[in-house]
Amino acid sequence: MSEKADLAVKCFGEGFSCAQAVFTSYCEDYNLDKERALKIAGAFGGGMGYIGETCGAVTGAFMLIGLKYGKYRTEDNVSKDKTYSAIQEFTRRFKAEFGSVKCTELIKYDLSIAEELNKAKEAEAFKHTCSGLVKRAVEIIEEIL
């Protein structure tokens, strides 16, 4: 496992979300304050705040791609194209391994339903499934960035 993947898995194991774990693994590289990064990514875990949509490990990776390549000048469409291309490449690789980028499909629980969320917690689905998704998301990001 790479150093960045180790950092992400450790962060996830400490109780932070999958999105926070992936996004903060690159804080030092982008001179980003870890507390600020944790707050930025804080709403994206559990498929975006337990609504079960896009996996937080994926959204954490998307934020990293934006941080590296994102457009910040009106006339800079090259950066926008580079960002979208990297997002598509990440998504292609992640889906090839896991079949989906949707949280509900990955962990087999619909987190938007309270009973399902409780079942996922009881089954330790986050611990058993999501730590591997976090690890692999960071490894794919390392290859892309």
C-alpha atoms as a PDB file:
ATOM      1  CA  MET A   1       0.000   0.000   0.000  1.00  0.00           C
ATOM      2  CA  SER A   2       1.268   3.457  -0.834  1.00  0.00           C
ATOM      3  CA  GLU A   3       1.970   6.121   1.772  1.00  0.00           C
ATOM      4  CA  LYS A   4      -1.038   8.178   0.653  1.00  0.00           C
ATOM      5  CA  ALA A   5      -3.320   5.141   0.715  1.00  0.00           C
ATOM      6  CA  ASP A   6      -2.017   4.348   4.213  1.00  0.00           C
ATOM      7  CA  LEU A   7      -2.831   7.907   5.324  1.00  0.00           C
ATOM      8  CA  ALA A   8      -6.327   7.678   3.878  1.00  0.00           C
ATOM      9  CA  VAL A   9      -7.113   4.286   5.417  1.00  0.00           C
ATOM     10  CA  LYS A  10      -5.789   5.515   8.785  1.00  0.00           C
ATOM     11  CA  CYS A  11      -7.926   8.662   8.585  1.00  0.00           C
ATOM     12  CA  PHE A  12     -10.987   6.581   7.713  1.00  0.00           C
ATOM     13  CA  GLY A  13     -10.235   4.226  10.595  1.00  0.00           C
ATOM     14  CA  GLU A  14     -10.145   7.191  12.967  1.00  0.00           C
ATOM     15  CA  GLY A  15     -13.802   7.908  12.207  1.00  0.00           C
ATOM     16  CA  PHE A  16     -13.657  10.359   9.345  1.00  0.00           C
ATOM     17  CA  SER A  17     -15.723   9.769   6.218  1.00  0.00           C
ATOM     18  CA  CYS A  18     -14.480   8.147   3.046  1.00  0.00           C
ATOM     19  CA  ALA A  19     -14.489  11.519   1.264  1.00  0.00           C
ATOM     20  CA  GLN A  20     -12.514  13.165   4.049  1.00  0.00           C
ATOM     21  CA  ALA A  21     -10.004  10.314   4.104  1.00  0.00           C
ATOM     22  CA  VAL A  22      -9.324  10.451   0.367  1.00  0.00           C
ATOM     23  CA  PHE A  23      -9.270  14.251   0.086  1.00  0.00           C
ATOM     24  CA  THR A  24      -6.969  14.839   3.076  1.00  0.00           C
ATOM     25  CA  SER A  25      -4.411  12.303   1.886  1.00  0.00           C
ATOM     26  CA  TYR A  26      -3.051  15.035  -0.399  1.00  0.00           C
ATOM     27  CA  CYS A  27      -3.163  18.028   1.978  1.00  0.00           C
ATOM     28  CA  GLU A  28       0.593  18.420   2.178  1.00  0.00           C
ATOM     29  CA  ASP A  29       1.049  18.185  -1.592  1.00  0.00           C
ATOM     30  CA  TYR A  30      -1.312  21.113  -2.165  1.00  0.00           C
ATOM     31  CA  ASN A  31      -0.416  23.137   0.925  1.00  0.00           C
ATOM     32  CA  LEU A  32      -3.975  22.700   2.164  1.00  0.00           C
ATOM     33  CA  ASP A  33      -4.731  22.998   5.858  1.00  0.00           C
ATOM     34  CA  LYS A  34      -5.994  19.584   7.039  1.00  0.00           C
ATOM     35  CA  GLU A  35      -8.753  21.053   9.205  1.00  0.00           C
ATOM     36  CA  ARG A  36     -10.075  23.045   6.254  1.00  0.00           C
ATOM     37  CA  ALA A  37      -9.840  19.990   3.988  1.00  0.00           C
ATOM     38  CA  LEU A  38     -11.767  17.882   6.511  1.00  0.00           C
ATOM     39  CA  LYS A  39     -14.484  20.524   6.626  1.00  0.00           C
ATOM     40  CA  ILE A  40     -14.675  20.863   2.835  1.00  0.00           C
ATOM     41  CA  ALA A  41     -15.040  17.103   2.365  1.00  0.00           C
ATOM     42  CA  GLY A  42     -17.207  16.612   5.453  1.00  0.00           C
ATOM     43  CA  ALA A  43     -20.557  16.580   3.652  1.00  0.00           C
ATOM     44  CA  PHE A  44     -19.663  14.026   0.982  1.00  0.00           C
ATOM     45  CA  GLY A  45     -19.389  10.766   2.958  1.00  0.00           C
ATOM     46  CA  GLY A  46     -22.125   8.148   2.849  1.00  0.00           C
ATOM     47  CA  GLY A  47     -22.911   8.949  -0.738  1.00  0.00           C
ATOM     48  CA  MET A  48     -23.211  12.663   0.061  1.00  0.00           C
ATOM     49  CA  GLY A  49     -24.568  12.987   3.570  1.00  0.00           C
ATOM     50  CA  TYR A  50     -26.160   9.529   3.778  1.00  0.00           C
ATOM     51  CA  ILE A  51     -28.315   9.986   0.715  1.00  0.00           C
ATOM     52  CA  GLY A  52     -26.566   7.016  -0.906  1.00  0.00           C
ATOM     53  CA  GLU A  53     -25.554   8.696  -4.140  1.00  0.00           C
ATOM     54  CA  THR A  54     -21.942   9.036  -5.381  1.00  0.00           C
ATOM     55  CA  CYS A  55     -19.482   7.237  -3.109  1.00  0.00           C
ATOM     56  CA  GLY A  56     -17.530   9.573  -0.845  1.00  0.00           C
ATOM     57  CA  ALA A  57     -14.223   7.976  -1.835  1.00  0.00           C
ATOM     58  CA  VAL A  58     -15.092   8.934  -5.404  1.00  0.00           C
ATOM     59  CA  THR A  59     -16.129  12.495  -4.542  1.00  0.00           C
ATOM     60  CA  GLY A  60     -12.950  12.877  -2.494  1.00  0.00           C
ATOM     61  CA  ALA A  61     -10.982  11.826  -5.565  1.00  0.00           C
ATOM     62  CA  PHE A  62     -12.976  14.218  -7.766  1.00  0.00           C
ATOM     63  CA  MET A  63     -12.127  17.085  -5.404  1.00  0.00           C
ATOM     64  CA  LEU A  64      -8.449  16.186  -5.675  1.00  0.00           C
ATOM     65  CA  ILE A  65      -8.645  16.193  -9.456  1.00  0.00           C
ATOM     66  CA  GLY A  66     -10.277  19.623  -9.310  1.00  0.00           C
ATOM     67  CA  LEU A  67      -7.615  20.835  -6.915  1.00  0.00           C
ATOM     68  CA  LYS A  68      -4.880  19.725  -9.309  1.00  0.00           C
ATOM     69  CA  TYR A  69      -6.372  20.602 -12.696  1.00  0.00           C
ATOM     70  CA  GLY A  70      -9.482  22.698 -12.056  1.00  0.00           C
ATOM     71  CA  LYS A  71     -10.391  25.770 -14.046  1.00  0.00           C
ATOM     72  CA  TYR A  72     -10.077  29.025 -12.109  1.00  0.00           C
ATOM     73  CA  ARG A  73      -9.758  31.559 -14.929  1.00  0.00           C
ATOM     74  CA  THR A  74     -12.710  32.310 -17.212  1.00  0.00           C
ATOM     75  CA  GLU A  75     -10.774  31.759 -20.419  1.00  0.00           C
ATOM     76  CA  ASP A  76      -9.069  28.514 -19.300  1.00  0.00           C
ATOM     77  CA  ASN A  77     -11.099  25.802 -20.973  1.00  0.00           C
ATOM     78  CA  VAL A  78      -8.004  23.613 -21.330  1.00  0.00           C
ATOM     79  CA  SER A  79      -8.026  23.089 -17.551  1.00  0.00           C
ATOM     80  CA  LYS A  80     -11.740  22.323 -17.592  1.00  0.00           C
ATOM     81  CA  ASP A  81     -11.202  19.721 -20.319  1.00  0.00           C
ATOM     82  CA  LYS A  82      -8.237  18.218 -18.425  1.00  0.00           C
ATOM     83  CA  THR A  83     -10.330  18.036 -15.240  1.00  0.00           C
ATOM     84  CA  TYR A  84     -13.272  16.346 -16.941  1.00  0.00           C
ATOM     85  CA  SER A  85     -10.975  13.936 -18.747  1.00  0.00           C
ATOM     86  CA  ALA A  86      -9.319  12.929 -15.469  1.00  0.00           C
ATOM     87  CA  ILE A  87     -12.746  12.518 -13.810  1.00  0.00           C
ATOM     88  CA  GLN A  88     -13.839  10.243 -16.645  1.00  0.00           C
ATOM     89  CA  GLU A  89     -10.627   8.194 -16.422  1.00  0.00           C
ATOM     90  CA  PHE A  90     -10.947   7.816 -12.646  1.00  0.00           C
ATOM     91  CA  THR A  91     -14.603   6.788 -13.009  1.00  0.00           C
ATOM     92  CA  ARG A  92     -13.801   4.269 -15.747  1.00  0.00           C
ATOM     93  CA  ARG A  93     -11.139   2.601 -13.588  1.00  0.00           C
ATOM     94  CA  PHE A  94     -13.202   2.623 -10.395  1.00  0.00           C
ATOM     95  CA  LYS A  95     -16.266   1.187 -12.156  1.00  0.00           C
ATOM     96  CA  ALA A  96     -14.125  -1.464 -13.839  1.00  0.00           C
ATOM     97  CA  GLU A  97     -13.122  -2.740 -10.405  1.00  0.00           C
ATOM     98  CA  PHE A  98     -16.260  -2.166  -8.358  1.00  0.00           C
ATOM     99  CA  GLY A  99     -19.089  -2.019 -10.898  1.00  0.00           C
ATOM    100  CA  SER A 100     -20.431   1.345  -9.777  1.00  0.00           C
ATOM    101  CA  VAL A 101     -19.595   4.697  -8.218  1.00  0.00           C
ATOM    102  CA  LYS A 102     -22.908   4.833  -6.343  1.00  0.00           C
ATOM    103  CA  CYS A 103     -22.628   4.294  -2.586  1.00  0.00           C
ATOM    104  CA  THR A 104     -25.857   2.322  -2.273  1.00  0.00           C
ATOM    105  CA  GLU A 105     -24.768  -0.123  -4.959  1.00  0.00           C
ATOM    106  CA  LEU A 106     -21.282  -0.500  -3.512  1.00  0.00           C
ATOM    107  CA  ILE A 107     -22.252  -1.214   0.095  1.00  0.00           C
ATOM    108  CA  LYS A 108     -25.609  -2.891  -0.648  1.00  0.00           C
ATOM    109  CA  TYR A 109     -27.595  -0.677   1.741  1.00  0.00           C
ATOM    110  CA  ASP A 110     -29.775   2.340   0.953  1.00  0.00           C
ATOM    111  CA  LEU A 111     -28.402   4.899   3.382  1.00  0.00           C
ATOM    112  CA  SER A 112     -31.235   7.322   2.676  1.00  0.00           C
ATOM    113  CA  ILE A 113     -33.554   4.987   4.634  1.00  0.00           C
ATOM    114  CA  ALA A 114     -32.955   5.119   8.416  1.00  0.00           C
ATOM    115  CA  GLU A 115     -33.498   1.366   8.875  1.00  0.00           C
ATOM    116  CA  GLU A 116     -31.035   0.550   6.108  1.00  0.00           C
ATOM    117  CA  LEU A 117     -28.457   2.970   7.531  1.00  0.00           C
ATOM    118  CA  ASN A 118     -28.787   1.283  10.928  1.00  0.00           C
ATOM    119  CA  LYS A 119     -28.422  -2.154   9.311  1.00  0.00           C
ATOM    120  CA  ALA A 120     -25.278  -0.966   7.500  1.00  0.00           C
ATOM    121  CA  LYS A 121     -23.823   0.274  10.776  1.00  0.00           C
ATOM    122  CA  GLU A 122     -24.728  -2.957  12.599  1.00  0.00           C
ATOM    123  CA  ALA A 123     -23.152  -5.047   9.844  1.00  0.00           C
ATOM    124  CA  GLU A 124     -20.068  -2.796   9.920  1.00  0.00           C
ATOM    125  CA  ALA A 125     -20.481  -2.319   6.171  1.00  0.00           C
ATOM    126  CA  PHE A 126     -18.458   0.890   6.252  1.00  0.00           C
ATOM    127  CA  LYS A 127     -15.531  -0.807   7.976  1.00  0.00           C
ATOM    128  CA  HIS A 128     -15.606  -3.891   5.771  1.00  0.00           C
ATOM    129  CA  THR A 129     -16.366  -2.304   2.408  1.00  0.00           C
ATOM    130  CA  CYS A 130     -15.478   1.368   2.503  1.00  0.00           C
ATOM    131  CA  SER A 131     -11.903   1.094   3.754  1.00  0.00           C
ATOM    132  CA  GLY A 132     -11.072  -0.901   0.605  1.00  0.00           C
ATOM    133  CA  LEU A 133     -12.822   1.679  -1.573  1.00  0.00           C
ATOM    134  CA  VAL A 134     -10.858   4.472   0.128  1.00  0.00           C
ATOM    135  CA  LYS A 135      -7.578   2.623  -0.401  1.00  0.00           C
ATOM    136  CA  ARG A 136      -8.251   1.912  -4.056  1.00  0.00           C
ATOM    137  CA  ALA A 137      -9.551   5.426  -4.788  1.00  0.00           C
ATOM    138  CA  VAL A 138      -6.273   6.884  -3.529  1.00  0.00           C
ATOM    139  CA  GLU A 139      -4.237   4.372  -5.521  1.00  0.00           C
ATOM    140  CA  ILE A 140      -6.128   5.265  -8.712  1.00  0.00           C
ATOM    141  CA  ILE A 141      -5.692   8.982  -7.992  1.00  0.00           C
ATOM    142  CA  GLU A 142      -1.961   8.455  -7.566  1.00  0.00           C
ATOM    143  CA  GLU A 143      -1.843   6.954 -11.046  1.00  0.00           C
ATOM    144  CA  ILE A 144      -3.885   9.789 -12.574  1.00  0.00           C
ATOM    145  CA  LEU A 145      -2.298  12.766 -10.850  1.00  0.00           C
END
